[in-house]
C-alpha atoms as a PDB file:
ATOM      1  CA  HIS A   1      19.712   2.530 -31.817  1.00  0.00           C
ATOM      2  CA  GLN A   2      17.019   0.285 -30.637  1.00  0.00           C
ATOM      3  CA  ARG A   3      19.243  -1.235 -28.007  1.00  0.00           C
ATOM      4  CA  GLN A   4      19.747   2.106 -26.382  1.00  0.00           C
ATOM      5  CA  GLN A   5      15.994   2.462 -25.983  1.00  0.00           C
ATOM      6  CA  HIS A   6      15.805  -0.920 -24.393  1.00  0.00           C
ATOM      7  CA  GLN A   7      18.379   0.048 -21.779  1.00  0.00           C
ATOM      8  CA  LEU A   8      16.473   3.164 -20.932  1.00  0.00           C
ATOM      9  CA  LEU A   9      13.290   1.205 -20.311  1.00  0.00           C
ATOM     10  CA  LEU A  10      15.158  -1.167 -18.056  1.00  0.00           C
ATOM     11  CA  HIS A  11      16.653   1.722 -16.103  1.00  0.00           C
ATOM     12  CA  GLN A  12      13.311   3.402 -15.684  1.00  0.00           C
ATOM     13  CA  PRO A  13      10.563   0.773 -16.018  1.00  0.00           C
ATOM     14  CA  ARG A  14       7.078   2.093 -16.468  1.00  0.00           C
ATOM     15  CA  VAL A  15       5.402   1.797 -13.092  1.00  0.00           C
ATOM     16  CA  PRO A  16       1.626   1.629 -13.107  1.00  0.00           C
ATOM     17  CA  LEU A  17      -0.235   4.405 -11.292  1.00  0.00           C
ATOM     18  CA  ARG A  18      -1.170   1.909  -8.584  1.00  0.00           C
ATOM     19  CA  GLN A  19       2.478   1.088  -7.799  1.00  0.00           C
ATOM     20  CA  GLN A  20       3.525   4.671  -8.315  1.00  0.00           C
ATOM     21  CA  ARG A  21       1.961   5.345  -4.815  1.00  0.00           C
ATOM     22  CA  LEU A  22       4.194   2.650  -3.233  1.00  0.00           C
ATOM     23  CA  PRO A  23       8.049   3.056  -3.177  1.00  0.00           C
ATOM     24  CA  GLN A  24       9.882   1.533  -6.053  1.00  0.00           C
ATOM     25  CA  VAL A  25      11.181  -1.614  -4.340  1.00  0.00           C
ATOM     26  CA  ARG A  26      10.802  -3.892  -7.376  1.00  0.00           C
ATOM     27  CA  ILE A  27      14.066  -3.435  -9.315  1.00  0.00           C
END
């Protein structure tokens, strides 16, 4: 079950508010 959560985090990494302004180019 923990593995599934890890995958979700990788798919949607938490982007800081500062970077939220800029487009998500870091993947």
